[in-house]
Amino acid sequence: QVQLVESGGGSVQAGGSLRLSCAASGFTFSVYCMGWFRQAPGKERERVAIITISGSTIYEDSVKGRFTISQDNAKNTLYLQMNSLKPEDTGLYYCAANYVTCRMMDYWGKGTLVSISS
């Protein structure tokens, strides 16, 4: 069965960096659209970044230039490198996957918490 397990969250000061990882299993990683989403306290979940099966990447405007999504197909692992972190980046970060298309995500991890202090 499909399983997504996030790791790498933590508490850092503004300006710091974190690298999130998502270990995927139960599906052929390379033919799935993969993405990172986040939910801040009191807010709706939003898309942070996605990577298509062709390798194209799309970022939410507020993270462009600071975050980088990447994947290692040999390790079935998705990454999110987050630099120049801001307090508004605080939230629960989820890894998600969907077969071929990125329109809707069918599979979700349980999330990893990121907390940025000013």
PDB file of N, CA and C in Angstrom:
ATOM      1  N   GLN A   1       0.835  -1.190   0.000  1.00  0.00           N
ATOM      2  CA  GLN A   1       0.000   0.000   0.000  1.00  0.00           C
ATOM      3  C   GLN A   1       0.873   1.244   0.000  1.00  0.00           C
ATOM      4  N   VAL A   2       0.316   2.342  -0.470  1.00  0.00           N
ATOM      5  CA  VAL A   2       1.055   3.588  -0.544  1.00  0.00           C
ATOM      6  C   VAL A   2       1.322   4.125   0.858  1.00  0.00           C
ATOM      7  N   GLN A   3       2.565   4.505   1.089  1.00  0.00           N
ATOM      8  CA  GLN A   3       2.928   5.078   2.375  1.00  0.00           C
ATOM      9  C   GLN A   3       3.878   6.252   2.152  1.00  0.00           C
ATOM     10  N   LEU A   4       3.606   7.344   2.834  1.00  0.00           N
ATOM     11  CA  LEU A   4       4.452   8.528   2.773  1.00  0.00           C
ATOM     12  C   LEU A   4       4.800   8.919   4.199  1.00  0.00           C
ATOM     13  N   VAL A   5       6.090   9.009   4.488  1.00  0.00           N
ATOM     14  CA  VAL A   5       6.526   9.314   5.847  1.00  0.00           C
ATOM     15  C   VAL A   5       7.475  10.507   5.808  1.00  0.00           C
ATOM     16  N   GLU A   6       7.030  11.603   6.405  1.00  0.00           N
ATOM     17  CA  GLU A   6       7.834  12.824   6.433  1.00  0.00           C
ATOM     18  C   GLU A   6       8.772  12.833   7.629  1.00  0.00           C
ATOM     19  N   SER A   7       9.874  13.543   7.469  1.00  0.00           N
ATOM     20  CA  SER A   7      10.815  13.749   8.565  1.00  0.00           C
ATOM     21  C   SER A   7      11.577  15.036   8.303  1.00  0.00           C
ATOM     22  N   GLY A   8      12.303  15.507   9.321  1.00  0.00           N
ATOM     23  CA  GLY A   8      13.156  16.668   9.142  1.00  0.00           C
ATOM     24  C   GLY A   8      12.622  17.969   9.715  1.00  0.00           C
ATOM     25  N   GLY A   9      11.412  17.938  10.224  1.00  0.00           N
ATOM     26  CA  GLY A   9      10.871  19.146  10.824  1.00  0.00           C
ATOM     27  C   GLY A   9      11.599  19.497  12.116  1.00  0.00           C
ATOM     28  N   GLY A  10      11.335  20.685  12.622  1.00  0.00           N
ATOM     29  CA  GLY A  10      11.964  21.100  13.858  1.00  0.00           C
ATOM     30  C   GLY A  10      11.729  22.561  14.133  1.00  0.00           C
ATOM     31  N   SER A  11      12.437  23.063  15.127  1.00  0.00           N
ATOM     32  CA  SER A  11      12.316  24.465  15.516  1.00  0.00           C
ATOM     33  C   SER A  11      13.630  25.179  15.229  1.00  0.00           C
ATOM     34  N   VAL A  12      13.543  26.247  14.444  1.00  0.00           N
ATOM     35  CA  VAL A  12      14.732  27.039  14.137  1.00  0.00           C
ATOM     36  C   VAL A  12      14.373  28.514  14.200  1.00  0.00           C
ATOM     37  N   GLN A  13      15.395  29.329  14.284  1.00  0.00           N
ATOM     38  CA  GLN A  13      15.174  30.777  14.272  1.00  0.00           C
ATOM     39  C   GLN A  13      15.010  31.276  12.842  1.00  0.00           C
ATOM     40  N   ALA A  14      14.372  32.413  12.730  1.00  0.00           N
ATOM     41  CA  ALA A  14      14.206  33.038  11.421  1.00  0.00           C
ATOM     42  C   ALA A  14      15.567  33.219  10.756  1.00  0.00           C
ATOM     43  N   GLY A  15      15.586  32.948   9.461  1.00  0.00           N
ATOM     44  CA  GLY A  15      16.829  33.015   8.713  1.00  0.00           C
ATOM     45  C   GLY A  15      17.527  31.677   8.587  1.00  0.00           C
ATOM     46  N   GLY A  16      17.091  30.714   9.376  1.00  0.00           N
ATOM     47  CA  GLY A  16      17.714  29.403   9.352  1.00  0.00           C
ATOM     48  C   GLY A  16      17.207  28.528   8.226  1.00  0.00           C
ATOM     49  N   SER A  17      17.665  27.293   8.230  1.00  0.00           N
ATOM     50  CA  SER A  17      17.316  26.340   7.178  1.00  0.00           C
ATOM     51  C   SER A  17      16.872  25.016   7.770  1.00  0.00           C
ATOM     52  N   LEU A  18      16.054  24.324   7.017  1.00  0.00           N
ATOM     53  CA  LEU A  18      15.657  22.958   7.338  1.00  0.00           C
ATOM     54  C   LEU A  18      15.530  22.193   6.029  1.00  0.00           C
ATOM     55  N   ARG A  19      15.725  20.895   6.111  1.00  0.00           N
ATOM     56  CA  ARG A  19      15.520  20.030   4.951  1.00  0.00           C
ATOM     57  C   ARG A  19      14.539  18.945   5.341  1.00  0.00           C
ATOM     58  N   LEU A  20      13.402  18.959   4.689  1.00  0.00           N
ATOM     59  CA  LEU A  20      12.397  17.933   4.912  1.00  0.00           C
ATOM     60  C   LEU A  20      12.602  16.785   3.946  1.00  0.00           C
ATOM     61  N   SER A  21      12.296  15.594   4.422  1.00  0.00           N
ATOM     62  CA  SER A  21      12.353  14.400   3.580  1.00  0.00           C
ATOM     63  C   SER A  21      11.021  13.680   3.650  1.00  0.00           C
ATOM     64  N   CYS A  22      10.698  12.995   2.576  1.00  0.00           N
ATOM     65  CA  CYS A  22       9.487  12.185   2.529  1.00  0.00           C
ATOM     66  C   CYS A  22       9.865  10.843   1.908  1.00  0.00           C
ATOM     67  N   ALA A  23       9.825   9.803   2.713  1.00  0.00           N
ATOM     68  CA  ALA A  23      10.124   8.464   2.233  1.00  0.00           C
ATOM     69  C   ALA A  23       8.845   7.835   1.706  1.00  0.00           C
ATOM     70  N   ALA A  24       8.870   7.445   0.432  1.00  0.00           N
ATOM     71  CA  ALA A  24       7.691   6.900  -0.215  1.00  0.00           C
ATOM     72  C   ALA A  24       7.852   5.408  -0.458  1.00  0.00           C
ATOM     73  N   SER A  25       6.754   4.690  -0.337  1.00  0.00           N
ATOM     74  CA  SER A  25       6.774   3.262  -0.611  1.00  0.00           C
ATOM     75  C   SER A  25       5.414   2.823  -1.114  1.00  0.00           C
ATOM     76  N   GLY A  26       5.392   1.668  -1.799  1.00  0.00           N
ATOM     77  CA  GLY A  26       4.135   1.099  -2.265  1.00  0.00           C
ATOM     78  C   GLY A  26       3.690   1.564  -3.630  1.00  0.00           C
ATOM     79  N   PHE A  27       4.496   2.339  -4.302  1.00  0.00           N
ATOM     80  CA  PHE A  27       4.129   2.774  -5.649  1.00  0.00           C
ATOM     81  C   PHE A  27       5.388   3.130  -6.427  1.00  0.00           C
ATOM     82  N   THR A  28       5.227   3.249  -7.734  1.00  0.00           N
ATOM     83  CA  THR A  28       6.353   3.599  -8.604  1.00  0.00           C
ATOM     84  C   THR A  28       6.557   5.107  -8.555  1.00  0.00           C
ATOM     85  N   PHE A  29       7.512   5.509  -7.803  1.00  0.00           N
ATOM     86  CA  PHE A  29       7.733   6.901  -7.455  1.00  0.00           C
ATOM     87  C   PHE A  29       7.811   7.816  -8.680  1.00  0.00           C
ATOM     88  N   SER A  30       8.494   7.360  -9.707  1.00  0.00           N
ATOM     89  CA  SER A  30       8.805   8.228 -10.843  1.00  0.00           C
ATOM     90  C   SER A  30       7.590   8.593 -11.693  1.00  0.00           C
ATOM     91  N   VAL A  31       6.466   7.892 -11.542  1.00  0.00           N
ATOM     92  CA  VAL A  31       5.290   8.220 -12.349  1.00  0.00           C
ATOM     93  C   VAL A  31       4.207   8.892 -11.514  1.00  0.00           C
ATOM     94  N   TYR A  32       4.599   9.420 -10.386  1.00  0.00           N
ATOM     95  CA  TYR A  32       3.672  10.141  -9.534  1.00  0.00           C
ATOM     96  C   TYR A  32       4.090  11.606  -9.421  1.00  0.00           C
ATOM     97  N   CYS A  33       3.085  12.465  -9.472  1.00  0.00           N
ATOM     98  CA  CYS A  33       3.311  13.860  -9.120  1.00  0.00           C
ATOM     99  C   CYS A  33       3.491  13.897  -7.602  1.00  0.00           C
ATOM    100  N   MET A  34       4.528  14.603  -7.154  1.00  0.00           N
ATOM    101  CA  MET A  34       4.810  14.680  -5.728  1.00  0.00           C
ATOM    102  C   MET A  34       4.767  16.133  -5.279  1.00  0.00           C
ATOM    103  N   GLY A  35       4.358  16.342  -4.049  1.00  0.00           N
ATOM    104  CA  GLY A  35       4.286  17.723  -3.594  1.00  0.00           C
ATOM    105  C   GLY A  35       4.414  17.871  -2.095  1.00  0.00           C
ATOM    106  N   TRP A  36       4.705  19.094  -1.720  1.00  0.00           N
ATOM    107  CA  TRP A  36       4.711  19.486  -0.314  1.00  0.00           C
ATOM    108  C   TRP A  36       3.598  20.509  -0.089  1.00  0.00           C
ATOM    109  N   PHE A  37       2.872  20.302   0.988  1.00  0.00           N
ATOM    110  CA  PHE A  37       1.805  21.198   1.391  1.00  0.00           C
ATOM    111  C   PHE A  37       2.040  21.575   2.848  1.00  0.00           C
ATOM    112  N   ARG A  38       1.408  22.635   3.276  1.00  0.00           N
ATOM    113  CA  ARG A  38       1.547  23.005   4.683  1.00  0.00           C
ATOM    114  C   ARG A  38       0.247  23.596   5.198  1.00  0.00           C
ATOM    115  N   GLN A  39       0.093  23.483   6.512  1.00  0.00           N
ATOM    116  CA  GLN A  39      -1.059  24.076   7.163  1.00  0.00           C
ATOM    117  C   GLN A  39      -0.583  24.822   8.396  1.00  0.00           C
ATOM    118  N   ALA A  40      -0.751  26.124   8.371  1.00  0.00           N
ATOM    119  CA  ALA A  40      -0.397  26.958   9.516  1.00  0.00           C
ATOM    120  C   ALA A  40      -1.542  26.955  10.510  1.00  0.00           C
ATOM    121  N   PRO A  41      -1.261  27.250  11.769  1.00  0.00           N
ATOM    122  CA  PRO A  41      -2.315  27.279  12.784  1.00  0.00           C
ATOM    123  C   PRO A  41      -3.434  28.237  12.391  1.00  0.00           C
ATOM    124  N   GLY A  42      -4.664  27.729  12.407  1.00  0.00           N
ATOM    125  CA  GLY A  42      -5.815  28.565  12.099  1.00  0.00           C
ATOM    126  C   GLY A  42      -6.020  28.864  10.634  1.00  0.00           C
ATOM    127  N   LYS A  43      -5.235  28.235   9.776  1.00  0.00           N
ATOM    128  CA  LYS A  43      -5.359  28.494   8.341  1.00  0.00           C
ATOM    129  C   LYS A  43      -5.616  27.209   7.585  1.00  0.00           C
ATOM    130  N   GLU A  44      -6.052  27.361   6.337  1.00  0.00           N
ATOM    131  CA  GLU A  44      -6.289  26.195   5.499  1.00  0.00           C
ATOM    132  C   GLU A  44      -4.964  25.669   4.944  1.00  0.00           C
ATOM    133  N   ARG A  45      -4.973  24.418   4.578  1.00  0.00           N
ATOM    134  CA  ARG A  45      -3.789  23.828   3.987  1.00  0.00           C
ATOM    135  C   ARG A  45      -3.526  24.462   2.621  1.00  0.00           C
ATOM    136  N   GLU A  46      -2.263  24.708   2.324  1.00  0.00           N
ATOM    137  CA  GLU A  46      -1.905  25.305   1.047  1.00  0.00           C
ATOM    138  C   GLU A  46      -0.764  24.518   0.411  1.00  0.00           C
ATOM    139  N   ARG A  47      -0.724  24.618  -0.903  1.00  0.00           N
ATOM    140  CA  ARG A  47       0.348  23.959  -1.627  1.00  0.00           C
ATOM    141  C   ARG A  47       1.616  24.801  -1.514  1.00  0.00           C
ATOM    142  N   VAL A  48       2.735  24.150  -1.241  1.00  0.00           N
ATOM    143  CA  VAL A  48       4.017  24.835  -1.144  1.00  0.00           C
ATOM    144  C   VAL A  48       4.823  24.651  -2.432  1.00  0.00           C
ATOM    145  N   ALA A  49       4.938  23.415  -2.858  1.00  0.00           N
ATOM    146  CA  ALA A  49       5.721  23.128  -4.065  1.00  0.00           C
ATOM    147  C   ALA A  49       5.335  21.760  -4.588  1.00  0.00           C
ATOM    148  N   ILE A  50       5.383  21.626  -5.910  1.00  0.00           N
ATOM    149  CA  ILE A  50       5.150  20.324  -6.513  1.00  0.00           C
ATOM    150  C   ILE A  50       6.215  20.046  -7.551  1.00  0.00           C
ATOM    151  N   ILE A  51       6.403  18.755  -7.834  1.00  0.00           N
ATOM    152  CA  ILE A  51       7.313  18.356  -8.891  1.00  0.00           C
ATOM    153  C   ILE A  51       6.572  17.336  -9.750  1.00  0.00           C
ATOM    154  N   THR A  52       6.488  17.623 -11.038  1.00  0.00           N
ATOM    155  CA  THR A  52       5.722  16.763 -11.933  1.00  0.00           C
ATOM    156  C   THR A  52       6.551  15.558 -12.359  1.00  0.00           C
ATOM    157  N   ILE A  53       5.897  14.641 -13.079  1.00  0.00           N
ATOM    158  CA  ILE A  53       6.624  13.445 -13.501  1.00  0.00           C
ATOM    159  C   ILE A  53       7.678  13.780 -14.547  1.00  0.00           C
ATOM    160  N   SER A  54       7.573  14.940 -15.177  1.00  0.00           N
ATOM    161  CA  SER A  54       8.596  15.362 -16.134  1.00  0.00           C
ATOM    162  C   SER A  54       9.720  16.140 -15.453  1.00  0.00           C
ATOM    163  N   GLY A  55       9.564  16.371 -14.150  1.00  0.00           N
ATOM    164  CA  GLY A  55      10.604  17.073 -13.414  1.00  0.00           C
ATOM    165  C   GLY A  55      10.386  18.562 -13.277  1.00  0.00           C
ATOM    166  N   SER A  56       9.308  19.075 -13.834  1.00  0.00           N
ATOM    167  CA  SER A  56       9.018  20.496 -13.678  1.00  0.00           C
ATOM    168  C   SER A  56       8.620  20.793 -12.239  1.00  0.00           C
ATOM    169  N   THR A  57       8.971  21.975 -11.769  1.00  0.00           N
ATOM    170  CA  THR A  57       8.643  22.365 -10.399  1.00  0.00           C
ATOM    171  C   THR A  57       7.799  23.637 -10.394  1.00  0.00           C
ATOM    172  N   ILE A  58       6.902  23.677  -9.437  1.00  0.00           N
ATOM    173  CA  ILE A  58       6.037  24.850  -9.268  1.00  0.00           C
ATOM    174  C   ILE A  58       6.026  25.205  -7.794  1.00  0.00           C
ATOM    175  N   TYR A  59       6.195  26.487  -7.496  1.00  0.00           N
ATOM    176  CA  TYR A  59       6.277  26.947  -6.112  1.00  0.00           C
ATOM    177  C   TYR A  59       5.198  27.975  -5.809  1.00  0.00           C
ATOM    178  N   GLU A  60       4.749  27.944  -4.586  1.00  0.00           N
ATOM    179  CA  GLU A  60       3.875  28.999  -4.092  1.00  0.00           C
ATOM    180  C   GLU A  60       4.706  30.291  -4.041  1.00  0.00           C
ATOM    181  N   ASP A  61       4.080  31.407  -4.348  1.00  0.00           N
ATOM    182  CA  ASP A  61       4.825  32.661  -4.514  1.00  0.00           C
ATOM    183  C   ASP A  61       5.683  33.012  -3.298  1.00  0.00           C
ATOM    184  N   SER A  62       5.180  32.792  -2.110  1.00  0.00           N
ATOM    185  CA  SER A  62       5.893  33.238  -0.903  1.00  0.00           C
ATOM    186  C   SER A  62       7.165  32.439  -0.623  1.00  0.00           C
ATOM    187  N   VAL A  63       7.342  31.301  -1.292  1.00  0.00           N
ATOM    188  CA  VAL A  63       8.541  30.481  -1.023  1.00  0.00           C
ATOM    189  C   VAL A  63       9.520  30.483  -2.188  1.00  0.00           C
ATOM    190  N   LYS A  64       9.131  31.111  -3.295  1.00  0.00           N
ATOM    191  CA  LYS A  64      10.024  31.138  -4.461  1.00  0.00           C
ATOM    192  C   LYS A  64      11.362  31.780  -4.099  1.00  0.00           C
ATOM    193  N   GLY A  65      12.427  31.119  -4.525  1.00  0.00           N
ATOM    194  CA  GLY A  65      13.764  31.626  -4.237  1.00  0.00           C
ATOM    195  C   GLY A  65      14.308  31.204  -2.889  1.00  0.00           C
ATOM    196  N   ARG A  66      13.448  30.644  -2.046  1.00  0.00           N
ATOM    197  CA  ARG A  66      13.894  30.198  -0.717  1.00  0.00           C
ATOM    198  C   ARG A  66      13.806  28.684  -0.551  1.00  0.00           C
ATOM    199  N   PHE A  67      12.803  28.079  -1.154  1.00  0.00           N
ATOM    200  CA  PHE A  67      12.584  26.633  -1.030  1.00  0.00           C
ATOM    201  C   PHE A  67      12.926  25.941  -2.343  1.00  0.00           C
ATOM    202  N   THR A  68      13.403  24.712  -2.226  1.00  0.00           N
ATOM    203  CA  THR A  68      13.689  23.902  -3.402  1.00  0.00           C
ATOM    204  C   THR A  68      13.146  22.501  -3.195  1.00  0.00           C
ATOM    205  N   ILE A  69      12.302  22.068  -4.110  1.00  0.00           N
ATOM    206  CA  ILE A  69      11.781  20.705  -4.073  1.00  0.00           C
ATOM    207  C   ILE A  69      12.621  19.842  -5.009  1.00  0.00           C
ATOM    208  N   SER A  70      12.880  18.623  -4.564  1.00  0.00           N
ATOM    209  CA  SER A  70      13.650  17.708  -5.393  1.00  0.00           C
ATOM    210  C   SER A  70      13.281  16.283  -5.014  1.00  0.00           C
ATOM    211  N   GLN A  71      13.675  15.349  -5.859  1.00  0.00           N
ATOM    212  CA  GLN A  71      13.389  13.960  -5.536  1.00  0.00           C
ATOM    213  C   GLN A  71      14.523  13.070  -6.013  1.00  0.00           C
ATOM    214  N   ASP A  72      14.674  11.966  -5.312  1.00  0.00           N
ATOM    215  CA  ASP A  72      15.661  10.953  -5.674  1.00  0.00           C
ATOM    216  C   ASP A  72      14.883   9.688  -5.999  1.00  0.00           C
ATOM    217  N   ASN A  73      14.727   9.402  -7.286  1.00  0.00           N
ATOM    218  CA  ASN A  73      13.917   8.248  -7.695  1.00  0.00           C
ATOM    219  C   ASN A  73      14.527   6.924  -7.240  1.00  0.00           C
ATOM    220  N   ALA A  74      15.841   6.873  -7.160  1.00  0.00           N
ATOM    221  CA  ALA A  74      16.495   5.636  -6.724  1.00  0.00           C
ATOM    222  C   ALA A  74      16.197   5.344  -5.251  1.00  0.00           C
ATOM    223  N   LYS A  75      15.999   6.402  -4.471  1.00  0.00           N
ATOM    224  CA  LYS A  75      15.722   6.232  -3.040  1.00  0.00           C
ATOM    225  C   LYS A  75      14.245   6.392  -2.712  1.00  0.00           C
ATOM    226  N   ASN A  76      13.433   6.666  -3.745  1.00  0.00           N
ATOM    227  CA  ASN A  76      11.995   6.915  -3.502  1.00  0.00           C
ATOM    228  C   ASN A  76      11.791   7.955  -2.411  1.00  0.00           C
ATOM    229  N   THR A  77      12.524   9.034  -2.508  1.00  0.00           N
ATOM    230  CA  THR A  77      12.467  10.064  -1.480  1.00  0.00           C
ATOM    231  C   THR A  77      12.286  11.441  -2.097  1.00  0.00           C
ATOM    232  N   LEU A  78      11.397  12.186  -1.497  1.00  0.00           N
ATOM    233  CA  LEU A  78      11.134  13.569  -1.893  1.00  0.00           C
ATOM    234  C   LEU A  78      11.746  14.483  -0.840  1.00  0.00           C
ATOM    235  N   TYR A  79      12.277  15.617  -1.291  1.00  0.00           N
ATOM    236  CA  TYR A  79      12.923  16.548  -0.367  1.00  0.00           C
ATOM    237  C   TYR A  79      12.331  17.952  -0.522  1.00  0.00           C
ATOM    238  N   LEU A  80      12.458  18.718   0.538  1.00  0.00           N
ATOM    239  CA  LEU A  80      12.162  20.146   0.471  1.00  0.00           C
ATOM    240  C   LEU A  80      13.250  20.864   1.259  1.00  0.00           C
ATOM    241  N   GLN A  81      14.123  21.523   0.541  1.00  0.00           N
ATOM    242  CA  GLN A  81      15.152  22.343   1.175  1.00  0.00           C
ATOM    243  C   GLN A  81      14.568  23.724   1.419  1.00  0.00           C
ATOM    244  N   MET A  82      14.573  24.141   2.667  1.00  0.00           N
ATOM    245  CA  MET A  82      13.973  25.412   3.038  1.00  0.00           C
ATOM    246  C   MET A  82      15.049  26.315   3.634  1.00  0.00           C
ATOM    247  N   ASN A  83      15.301  27.423   2.972  1.00  0.00           N
ATOM    248  CA  ASN A  83      16.293  28.388   3.420  1.00  0.00           C
ATOM    249  C   ASN A  83      15.627  29.722   3.745  1.00  0.00           C
ATOM    250  N   SER A  84      16.355  30.560   4.438  1.00  0.00           N
ATOM    251  CA  SER A  84      15.851  31.898   4.806  1.00  0.00           C
ATOM    252  C   SER A  84      14.447  31.802   5.404  1.00  0.00           C
ATOM    253  N   LEU A  85      14.294  30.917   6.334  1.00  0.00           N
ATOM    254  CA  LEU A  85      12.970  30.657   6.907  1.00  0.00           C
ATOM    255  C   LEU A  85      12.437  31.866   7.656  1.00  0.00           C
ATOM    256  N   LYS A  86      11.123  32.009   7.589  1.00  0.00           N
ATOM    257  CA  LYS A  86      10.420  33.116   8.222  1.00  0.00           C
ATOM    258  C   LYS A  86       9.382  32.575   9.203  1.00  0.00           C
ATOM    259  N   PRO A  87       9.007  33.356  10.194  1.00  0.00           N
ATOM    260  CA  PRO A  87       7.976  32.885  11.135  1.00  0.00           C
ATOM    261  C   PRO A  87       6.695  32.439  10.425  1.00  0.00           C
ATOM    262  N   GLU A  88       6.366  33.076   9.331  1.00  0.00           N
ATOM    263  CA  GLU A  88       5.146  32.700   8.598  1.00  0.00           C
ATOM    264  C   GLU A  88       5.274  31.367   7.863  1.00  0.00           C
ATOM    265  N   ASP A  89       6.449  30.767   7.876  1.00  0.00           N
ATOM    266  CA  ASP A  89       6.614  29.421   7.327  1.00  0.00           C
ATOM    267  C   ASP A  89       6.232  28.349   8.337  1.00  0.00           C
ATOM    268  N   THR A  90       5.935  28.742   9.547  1.00  0.00           N
ATOM    269  CA  THR A  90       5.542  27.797  10.585  1.00  0.00           C
ATOM    270  C   THR A  90       4.289  27.037  10.187  1.00  0.00           C
ATOM    271  N   GLY A  91       4.308  25.731  10.440  1.00  0.00           N
ATOM    272  CA  GLY A  91       3.136  24.925  10.132  1.00  0.00           C
ATOM    273  C   GLY A  91       3.459  23.453  10.097  1.00  0.00           C
ATOM    274  N   LEU A  92       2.429  22.676   9.824  1.00  0.00           N
ATOM    275  CA  LEU A  92       2.589  21.236   9.654  1.00  0.00           C
ATOM    276  C   LEU A  92       2.776  20.993   8.155  1.00  0.00           C
ATOM    277  N   TYR A  93       3.884  20.387   7.796  1.00  0.00           N
ATOM    278  CA  TYR A  93       4.228  20.162   6.399  1.00  0.00           C
ATOM    279  C   TYR A  93       3.912  18.720   6.018  1.00  0.00           C
ATOM    280  N   TYR A  94       3.157  18.589   4.938  1.00  0.00           N
ATOM    281  CA  TYR A  94       2.732  17.289   4.460  1.00  0.00           C
ATOM    282  C   TYR A  94       3.357  16.972   3.113  1.00  0.00           C
ATOM    283  N   CYS A  95       3.684  15.727   2.928  1.00  0.00           N
ATOM    284  CA  CYS A  95       4.082  15.192   1.635  1.00  0.00           C
ATOM    285  C   CYS A  95       2.836  14.575   1.000  1.00  0.00           C
ATOM    286  N   ALA A  96       2.696  14.724  -0.304  1.00  0.00           N
ATOM    287  CA  ALA A  96       1.530  14.181  -0.988  1.00  0.00           C
ATOM    288  C   ALA A  96       1.917  13.645  -2.359  1.00  0.00           C
ATOM    289  N   ALA A  97       1.094  12.735  -2.868  1.00  0.00           N
ATOM    290  CA  ALA A  97       1.396  12.110  -4.151  1.00  0.00           C
ATOM    291  C   ALA A  97       0.120  11.827  -4.925  1.00  0.00           C
ATOM    292  N   ASN A  98       0.238  11.839  -6.248  1.00  0.00           N
ATOM    293  CA  ASN A  98      -0.888  11.468  -7.088  1.00  0.00           C
ATOM    294  C   ASN A  98      -0.348  10.871  -8.383  1.00  0.00           C
ATOM    295  N   TYR A  99      -1.059   9.873  -8.882  1.00  0.00           N
ATOM    296  CA  TYR A  99      -0.610   9.192 -10.096  1.00  0.00           C
ATOM    297  C   TYR A  99      -0.672  10.121 -11.296  1.00  0.00           C
ATOM    298  N   VAL A 100       0.444  10.380 -11.884  1.00  0.00           N
ATOM    299  CA  VAL A 100       0.655  11.138 -13.118  1.00  0.00           C
ATOM    300  C   VAL A 100       0.326  12.631 -12.989  1.00  0.00           C
ATOM    301  N   THR A 101      -0.898  12.965 -12.647  1.00  0.00           N
ATOM    302  CA  THR A 101      -1.293  14.381 -12.651  1.00  0.00           C
ATOM    303  C   THR A 101      -1.130  15.022 -11.278  1.00  0.00           C
ATOM    304  N   CYS A 102      -1.112  16.351 -11.280  1.00  0.00           N
ATOM    305  CA  CYS A 102      -0.959  17.112 -10.041  1.00  0.00           C
ATOM    306  C   CYS A 102      -2.250  17.826  -9.651  1.00  0.00           C
ATOM    307  N   ARG A 103      -3.339  17.519 -10.322  1.00  0.00           N
ATOM    308  CA  ARG A 103      -4.572  18.258 -10.074  1.00  0.00           C
ATOM    309  C   ARG A 103      -5.126  17.989  -8.691  1.00  0.00           C
ATOM    310  N   MET A 104      -5.042  16.751  -8.279  1.00  0.00           N
ATOM    311  CA  MET A 104      -5.509  16.387  -6.936  1.00  0.00           C
ATOM    312  C   MET A 104      -4.535  15.394  -6.364  1.00  0.00           C
ATOM    313  N   MET A 105      -4.332  15.440  -5.074  1.00  0.00           N
ATOM    314  CA  MET A 105      -3.420  14.508  -4.429  1.00  0.00           C
ATOM    315  C   MET A 105      -4.230  13.450  -3.700  1.00  0.00           C
ATOM    316  N   ASP A 106      -3.977  12.221  -4.038  1.00  0.00           N
ATOM    317  CA  ASP A 106      -4.732  11.123  -3.442  1.00  0.00           C
ATOM    318  C   ASP A 106      -4.096  10.558  -2.188  1.00  0.00           C
ATOM    319  N   TYR A 107      -2.787  10.725  -2.061  1.00  0.00           N
ATOM    320  CA  TYR A 107      -2.083  10.106  -0.948  1.00  0.00           C
ATOM    321  C   TYR A 107      -1.350  11.168  -0.127  1.00  0.00           C
ATOM    322  N   TRP A 108      -1.442  11.007   1.186  1.00  0.00           N
ATOM    323  CA  TRP A 108      -0.881  12.013   2.085  1.00  0.00           C
ATOM    324  C   TRP A 108      -0.116  11.359   3.221  1.00  0.00           C
ATOM    325  N   GLY A 109       0.960  12.020   3.639  1.00  0.00           N
ATOM    326  CA  GLY A 109       1.632  11.600   4.849  1.00  0.00           C
ATOM    327  C   GLY A 109       0.955  12.229   6.054  1.00  0.00           C
ATOM    328  N   LYS A 110       1.517  11.975   7.227  1.00  0.00           N
ATOM    329  CA  LYS A 110       0.922  12.492   8.462  1.00  0.00           C
ATOM    330  C   LYS A 110       1.479  13.854   8.849  1.00  0.00           C
ATOM    331  N   GLY A 111       2.559  14.266   8.195  1.00  0.00           N
ATOM    332  CA  GLY A 111       3.086  15.599   8.415  1.00  0.00           C
ATOM    333  C   GLY A 111       4.260  15.651   9.370  1.00  0.00           C
ATOM    334  N   THR A 112       5.033  16.715   9.209  1.00  0.00           N
ATOM    335  CA  THR A 112       6.143  17.002  10.114  1.00  0.00           C
ATOM    336  C   THR A 112       6.070  18.481  10.466  1.00  0.00           C
ATOM    337  N   LEU A 113       6.278  18.791  11.739  1.00  0.00           N
ATOM    338  CA  LEU A 113       6.048  20.139  12.229  1.00  0.00           C
ATOM    339  C   LEU A 113       7.284  21.013  12.065  1.00  0.00           C
ATOM    340  N   VAL A 114       7.061  22.192  11.510  1.00  0.00           N
ATOM    341  CA  VAL A 114       8.106  23.202  11.347  1.00  0.00           C
ATOM    342  C   VAL A 114       7.701  24.434  12.159  1.00  0.00           C
ATOM    343  N   SER A 115       8.609  24.882  13.022  1.00  0.00           N
ATOM    344  CA  SER A 115       8.318  26.038  13.859  1.00  0.00           C
ATOM    345  C   SER A 115       9.465  27.034  13.738  1.00  0.00           C
ATOM    346  N   ILE A 116       9.147  28.233  13.292  1.00  0.00           N
ATOM    347  CA  ILE A 116      10.159  29.264  13.078  1.00  0.00           C
ATOM    348  C   ILE A 116       9.916  30.411  14.051  1.00  0.00           C
ATOM    349  N   SER A 117      10.910  30.706  14.847  1.00  0.00           N
ATOM    350  CA  SER A 117      10.795  31.789  15.817  1.00  0.00           C
ATOM    351  C   SER A 117      11.515  33.037  15.306  1.00  0.00           C
ATOM    352  N   SER A 118      10.989  34.179  15.712  1.00  0.00           N
ATOM    353  CA  SER A 118      11.562  35.450  15.253  1.00  0.00           C
ATOM    354  C   SER A 118      12.679  35.913  16.167  1.00  0.00           C
TER     355      SER A 118
END
